[in-house]
Amino acid sequence: MITWRRLAHDDLPLLKSWLEQPHVARWWNHETSMEAVLRDFGPSVRGEEPGEDLLVFLDHDPLGLVQRSRLADYPEELEPLKEIVDVPEGAVQIDYLIGDPARVGHGLGTSMIGAILERTWNELPDATCVVVPVSAANIASWRALEKAGMRRVGEGDLEPDNPIDALLHFIYRVDRPGR
């Protein structure tokens, strides 16, 4: 069973170890010093960020991280997306990782995405849709989005998380059920 809670200060060493894993580092390209992890995730842990960092569990064991935010709270991410696709008011964005390399490739990413989508509809009644830009080169990620019921609605150039990647991103979206 997939569950989660907000990331806490005591979780940051675990997150640091996940960010150091080659399969995560390839796509997140995050500085992995403890100072950098505190700098970038500390504001969310302290409730100073509008977005959420959620520690995901599978049967009580840590599995990964989901970041969830309202796009309107991050205009630096919203504006480039709006140049490529229609982004309705109330759009939410997610990002995700599975920390343990032994758990990658078993459908858990799809399950995690499906669970966060369901929870988003329940917890954020004004959320109109979930929009996810993903590097076109990250095939496993966009396939997990598709398997979780999201559809590709566009493609275009966005700044990649990792500078070794091309600018091309696929944009995925799922609308609130019943809309």
C-alpha atoms as a PDB file:
ATOM      1  CA  MET A   1       0.000   0.000   0.000  1.00  0.00           C
ATOM      2  CA  ILE A   2       1.316   3.438  -0.933  1.00  0.00           C
ATOM      3  CA  THR A   3       1.111   6.137   1.736  1.00  0.00           C
ATOM      4  CA  TRP A   4       2.970   9.372   2.399  1.00  0.00           C
ATOM      5  CA  ARG A   5       3.540  12.237   4.727  1.00  0.00           C
ATOM      6  CA  ARG A   6       5.254  15.592   4.499  1.00  0.00           C
ATOM      7  CA  LEU A   7       9.018  15.421   4.352  1.00  0.00           C
ATOM      8  CA  ALA A   8      10.558  16.118   7.783  1.00  0.00           C
ATOM      9  CA  HIS A   9      13.977  17.387   8.797  1.00  0.00           C
ATOM     10  CA  ASP A  10      14.987  13.891   9.956  1.00  0.00           C
ATOM     11  CA  ASP A  11      14.267  12.573   6.424  1.00  0.00           C
ATOM     12  CA  LEU A  12      16.854  14.802   4.755  1.00  0.00           C
ATOM     13  CA  PRO A  13      19.793  12.343   5.113  1.00  0.00           C
ATOM     14  CA  LEU A  14      17.661   9.676   3.371  1.00  0.00           C
ATOM     15  CA  LEU A  15      16.719  12.144   0.630  1.00  0.00           C
ATOM     16  CA  LYS A  16      20.397  13.070   0.245  1.00  0.00           C
ATOM     17  CA  SER A  17      21.275   9.389  -0.226  1.00  0.00           C
ATOM     18  CA  TRP A  18      18.555   9.051  -2.879  1.00  0.00           C
ATOM     19  CA  LEU A  19      19.733  12.146  -4.745  1.00  0.00           C
ATOM     20  CA  GLU A  20      23.194  10.538  -4.880  1.00  0.00           C
ATOM     21  CA  GLN A  21      21.878   7.396  -6.597  1.00  0.00           C
ATOM     22  CA  PRO A  22      22.890   7.366 -10.283  1.00  0.00           C
ATOM     23  CA  HIS A  23      19.330   6.703 -11.525  1.00  0.00           C
ATOM     24  CA  VAL A  24      18.075   9.761  -9.595  1.00  0.00           C
ATOM     25  CA  ALA A  25      21.095  11.992 -10.189  1.00  0.00           C
ATOM     26  CA  ARG A  26      20.741  11.462 -13.944  1.00  0.00           C
ATOM     27  CA  TRP A  27      17.392  13.230 -14.065  1.00  0.00           C
ATOM     28  CA  TRP A  28      17.299  15.417 -10.953  1.00  0.00           C
ATOM     29  CA  ASN A  29      20.898  16.668 -11.289  1.00  0.00           C
ATOM     30  CA  HIS A  30      20.761  18.017  -7.739  1.00  0.00           C
ATOM     31  CA  GLU A  31      23.713  19.077  -5.655  1.00  0.00           C
ATOM     32  CA  THR A  32      24.012  16.414  -2.948  1.00  0.00           C
ATOM     33  CA  SER A  33      25.912  18.061  -0.120  1.00  0.00           C
ATOM     34  CA  MET A  34      23.912  18.179   3.103  1.00  0.00           C
ATOM     35  CA  GLU A  35      24.090  21.980   2.918  1.00  0.00           C
ATOM     36  CA  ALA A  36      22.465  21.942  -0.540  1.00  0.00           C
ATOM     37  CA  VAL A  37      19.742  19.512   0.553  1.00  0.00           C
ATOM     38  CA  LEU A  38      19.000  21.716   3.589  1.00  0.00           C
ATOM     39  CA  ARG A  39      19.012  24.834   1.404  1.00  0.00           C
ATOM     40  CA  ASP A  40      16.653  23.405  -1.223  1.00  0.00           C
ATOM     41  CA  PHE A  41      14.332  21.208   0.855  1.00  0.00           C
ATOM     42  CA  GLY A  42      14.503  22.950   4.236  1.00  0.00           C
ATOM     43  CA  PRO A  43      11.989  25.686   3.322  1.00  0.00           C
ATOM     44  CA  SER A  44       9.387  23.050   2.426  1.00  0.00           C
ATOM     45  CA  VAL A  45      10.108  21.088   5.613  1.00  0.00           C
ATOM     46  CA  ARG A  46       9.609  24.281   7.631  1.00  0.00           C
ATOM     47  CA  GLY A  47       6.376  25.150   5.796  1.00  0.00           C
ATOM     48  CA  GLU A  48       7.895  28.220   4.142  1.00  0.00           C
ATOM     49  CA  GLU A  49       7.198  27.033   0.584  1.00  0.00           C
ATOM     50  CA  PRO A  50       3.751  26.849  -1.016  1.00  0.00           C
ATOM     51  CA  GLY A  51       4.610  23.465  -2.572  1.00  0.00           C
ATOM     52  CA  GLU A  52       4.780  20.130  -0.772  1.00  0.00           C
ATOM     53  CA  ASP A  53       7.584  17.609  -0.556  1.00  0.00           C
ATOM     54  CA  LEU A  54       6.000  14.264   0.304  1.00  0.00           C
ATOM     55  CA  LEU A  55       7.918  11.213   1.497  1.00  0.00           C
ATOM     56  CA  VAL A  56       6.283   8.171  -0.116  1.00  0.00           C
ATOM     57  CA  PHE A  57       6.122   4.769   1.561  1.00  0.00           C
ATOM     58  CA  LEU A  58       5.366   1.308   0.237  1.00  0.00           C
ATOM     59  CA  ASP A  59       4.082  -0.910   3.045  1.00  0.00           C
ATOM     60  CA  HIS A  60       5.715   1.391   5.635  1.00  0.00           C
ATOM     61  CA  ASP A  61       9.124   1.375   3.894  1.00  0.00           C
ATOM     62  CA  PRO A  62      10.401   4.608   2.314  1.00  0.00           C
ATOM     63  CA  LEU A  63      10.001   4.420  -1.464  1.00  0.00           C
ATOM     64  CA  GLY A  64      10.495   7.872  -2.909  1.00  0.00           C
ATOM     65  CA  LEU A  65       9.594  11.527  -3.016  1.00  0.00           C
ATOM     66  CA  VAL A  66       6.754  13.408  -4.684  1.00  0.00           C
ATOM     67  CA  GLN A  67       6.782  17.168  -5.035  1.00  0.00           C
ATOM     68  CA  ARG A  68       3.360  18.722  -5.560  1.00  0.00           C
ATOM     69  CA  SER A  69       2.616  22.383  -6.147  1.00  0.00           C
ATOM     70  CA  ARG A  70       0.092  24.711  -7.675  1.00  0.00           C
ATOM     71  CA  LEU A  71       1.639  26.105 -10.835  1.00  0.00           C
ATOM     72  CA  ALA A  72       0.274  29.575 -10.059  1.00  0.00           C
ATOM     73  CA  ASP A  73       2.571  29.645  -7.005  1.00  0.00           C
ATOM     74  CA  TYR A  74       5.633  29.247  -9.258  1.00  0.00           C
ATOM     75  CA  PRO A  75       5.344  31.713 -12.182  1.00  0.00           C
ATOM     76  CA  GLU A  76       8.900  30.908 -13.287  1.00  0.00           C
ATOM     77  CA  GLU A  77       7.656  27.401 -14.125  1.00  0.00           C
ATOM     78  CA  LEU A  78       4.155  28.361 -15.261  1.00  0.00           C
ATOM     79  CA  GLU A  79       5.064  30.970 -17.880  1.00  0.00           C
ATOM     80  CA  PRO A  80       7.338  28.735 -20.022  1.00  0.00           C
ATOM     81  CA  LEU A  81       4.687  25.979 -19.937  1.00  0.00           C
ATOM     82  CA  LYS A  82       1.986  28.391 -21.070  1.00  0.00           C
ATOM     83  CA  GLU A  83       4.056  29.146 -24.169  1.00  0.00           C
ATOM     84  CA  ILE A  84       3.704  25.480 -25.170  1.00  0.00           C
ATOM     85  CA  VAL A  85       0.289  24.313 -23.925  1.00  0.00           C
ATOM     86  CA  ASP A  86      -2.894  25.625 -22.375  1.00  0.00           C
ATOM     87  CA  VAL A  87      -2.511  25.665 -18.597  1.00  0.00           C
ATOM     88  CA  PRO A  88      -5.862  26.301 -16.926  1.00  0.00           C
ATOM     89  CA  GLU A  89      -6.263  28.147 -13.671  1.00  0.00           C
ATOM     90  CA  GLY A  90      -5.996  25.685 -10.798  1.00  0.00           C
ATOM     91  CA  ALA A  91      -3.338  23.513 -12.495  1.00  0.00           C
ATOM     92  CA  VAL A  92      -1.102  21.457 -10.218  1.00  0.00           C
ATOM     93  CA  GLN A  93       2.346  20.123 -11.067  1.00  0.00           C
ATOM     94  CA  ILE A  94       4.110  17.034  -9.682  1.00  0.00           C
ATOM     95  CA  ASP A  95       7.637  15.684  -9.782  1.00  0.00           C
ATOM     96  CA  TYR A  96       8.715  12.351  -8.373  1.00  0.00           C
ATOM     97  CA  LEU A  97      11.539   9.928  -7.774  1.00  0.00           C
ATOM     98  CA  ILE A  98      12.002   6.389  -6.528  1.00  0.00           C
ATOM     99  CA  GLY A  99      15.026   6.323  -4.238  1.00  0.00           C
ATOM    100  CA  ASP A 100      16.087   2.680  -4.098  1.00  0.00           C
ATOM    101  CA  PRO A 101      17.464   1.472  -7.446  1.00  0.00           C
ATOM    102  CA  ALA A 102      16.239  -2.073  -6.669  1.00  0.00           C
ATOM    103  CA  ARG A 103      12.655  -0.767  -6.800  1.00  0.00           C
ATOM    104  CA  VAL A 104      12.947   0.882 -10.213  1.00  0.00           C
ATOM    105  CA  GLY A 105      11.369  -0.903 -13.174  1.00  0.00           C
ATOM    106  CA  HIS A 106       8.642  -2.730 -11.237  1.00  0.00           C
ATOM    107  CA  GLY A 107       5.685  -0.437 -11.921  1.00  0.00           C
ATOM    108  CA  LEU A 108       5.990   1.393  -8.610  1.00  0.00           C
ATOM    109  CA  GLY A 109       6.429   4.779 -10.312  1.00  0.00           C
ATOM    110  CA  THR A 110       3.101   4.306 -12.074  1.00  0.00           C
ATOM    111  CA  SER A 111       1.455   3.294  -8.792  1.00  0.00           C
ATOM    112  CA  MET A 112       2.980   6.270  -7.001  1.00  0.00           C
ATOM    113  CA  ILE A 113       1.791   8.692  -9.700  1.00  0.00           C
ATOM    114  CA  GLY A 114      -1.704   7.181  -9.695  1.00  0.00           C
ATOM    115  CA  ALA A 115      -1.899   7.496  -5.915  1.00  0.00           C
ATOM    116  CA  ILE A 116      -0.802  11.145  -5.912  1.00  0.00           C
ATOM    117  CA  LEU A 117      -3.317  11.952  -8.643  1.00  0.00           C
ATOM    118  CA  GLU A 118      -6.149  10.420  -6.621  1.00  0.00           C
ATOM    119  CA  ARG A 119      -4.997  12.198  -3.485  1.00  0.00           C
ATOM    120  CA  THR A 120      -4.740  15.496  -5.367  1.00  0.00           C
ATOM    121  CA  TRP A 121      -8.388  15.314  -6.430  1.00  0.00           C
ATOM    122  CA  ASN A 122      -9.394  14.579  -2.822  1.00  0.00           C
ATOM    123  CA  GLU A 123      -7.164  17.101  -1.072  1.00  0.00           C
ATOM    124  CA  LEU A 124      -7.178  20.017  -3.510  1.00  0.00           C
ATOM    125  CA  PRO A 125     -10.814  20.572  -4.527  1.00  0.00           C
ATOM    126  CA  ASP A 126      -9.880  23.558  -6.703  1.00  0.00           C
ATOM    127  CA  ALA A 127      -7.260  21.603  -8.679  1.00  0.00           C
ATOM    128  CA  THR A 128      -8.463  21.516 -12.281  1.00  0.00           C
ATOM    129  CA  CYS A 129      -5.716  19.324 -13.720  1.00  0.00           C
ATOM    130  CA  VAL A 130      -2.229  17.974 -13.152  1.00  0.00           C
ATOM    131  CA  VAL A 131       0.444  19.005 -15.649  1.00  0.00           C
ATOM    132  CA  VAL A 132       3.867  17.356 -15.841  1.00  0.00           C
ATOM    133  CA  PRO A 133       6.700  18.426 -18.141  1.00  0.00           C
ATOM    134  CA  VAL A 134       9.237  15.639 -18.627  1.00  0.00           C
ATOM    135  CA  SER A 135      12.432  15.495 -20.619  1.00  0.00           C
ATOM    136  CA  ALA A 136      11.762  13.707 -23.896  1.00  0.00           C
ATOM    137  CA  ALA A 137      14.834  11.590 -23.169  1.00  0.00           C
ATOM    138  CA  ASN A 138      13.369  10.270 -19.892  1.00  0.00           C
ATOM    139  CA  ILE A 139      11.403   7.461 -21.478  1.00  0.00           C
ATOM    140  CA  ALA A 140      10.736   5.564 -18.243  1.00  0.00           C
ATOM    141  CA  SER A 141       9.201   8.660 -16.663  1.00  0.00           C
ATOM    142  CA  TRP A 142       6.864   9.554 -19.507  1.00  0.00           C
ATOM    143  CA  ARG A 143       5.806   5.934 -19.899  1.00  0.00           C
ATOM    144  CA  ALA A 144       4.920   5.829 -16.186  1.00  0.00           C
ATOM    145  CA  LEU A 145       2.821   8.975 -16.660  1.00  0.00           C
ATOM    146  CA  GLU A 146       0.993   7.365 -19.581  1.00  0.00           C
ATOM    147  CA  LYS A 147       0.362   4.157 -17.637  1.00  0.00           C
ATOM    148  CA  ALA A 148      -1.031   6.262 -14.777  1.00  0.00           C
ATOM    149  CA  GLY A 149      -3.614   7.745 -17.173  1.00  0.00           C
ATOM    150  CA  MET A 150      -1.963  10.990 -18.201  1.00  0.00           C
ATOM    151  CA  ARG A 151      -1.906  12.023 -21.850  1.00  0.00           C
ATOM    152  CA  ARG A 152       0.674  13.894 -23.837  1.00  0.00           C
ATOM    153  CA  VAL A 153      -0.778  17.284 -24.732  1.00  0.00           C
ATOM    154  CA  GLY A 154       2.251  18.986 -26.226  1.00  0.00           C
ATOM    155  CA  GLU A 155       5.953  19.183 -26.663  1.00  0.00           C
ATOM    156  CA  GLY A 156       8.380  22.038 -26.710  1.00  0.00           C
ATOM    157  CA  ASP A 157      11.605  23.458 -25.437  1.00  0.00           C
ATOM    158  CA  LEU A 158      12.051  23.945 -21.696  1.00  0.00           C
ATOM    159  CA  GLU A 159      15.181  24.339 -19.630  1.00  0.00           C
ATOM    160  CA  PRO A 160      16.231  20.801 -18.616  1.00  0.00           C
ATOM    161  CA  ASP A 161      17.084  19.852 -15.038  1.00  0.00           C
ATOM    162  CA  ASN A 162      20.283  18.310 -16.337  1.00  0.00           C
ATOM    163  CA  PRO A 163      22.304  20.452 -18.756  1.00  0.00           C
ATOM    164  CA  ILE A 164      23.379  17.359 -20.699  1.00  0.00           C
ATOM    165  CA  ASP A 165      19.779  16.949 -21.915  1.00  0.00           C
ATOM    166  CA  ALA A 166      18.233  18.585 -24.944  1.00  0.00           C
ATOM    167  CA  LEU A 167      15.597  21.249 -24.416  1.00  0.00           C
ATOM    168  CA  LEU A 168      12.783  19.066 -25.806  1.00  0.00           C
ATOM    169  CA  HIS A 169      10.163  18.178 -23.198  1.00  0.00           C
ATOM    170  CA  PHE A 170       6.882  16.317 -23.466  1.00  0.00           C
ATOM    171  CA  ILE A 171       3.999  17.855 -21.533  1.00  0.00           C
ATOM    172  CA  TYR A 172       1.515  15.491 -19.901  1.00  0.00           C
ATOM    173  CA  ARG A 173      -1.849  16.378 -18.410  1.00  0.00           C
ATOM    174  CA  VAL A 174      -4.805  14.764 -16.742  1.00  0.00           C
ATOM    175  CA  ASP A 175      -7.962  16.681 -15.931  1.00  0.00           C
ATOM    176  CA  ARG A 176      -9.967  16.321 -12.762  1.00  0.00           C
ATOM    177  CA  PRO A 177     -12.383  13.395 -13.211  1.00  0.00           C
ATOM    178  CA  GLY A 178     -15.849  14.540 -14.210  1.00  0.00           C
ATOM    179  CA  ARG A 179     -14.659  17.751 -15.871  1.00  0.00           C
END
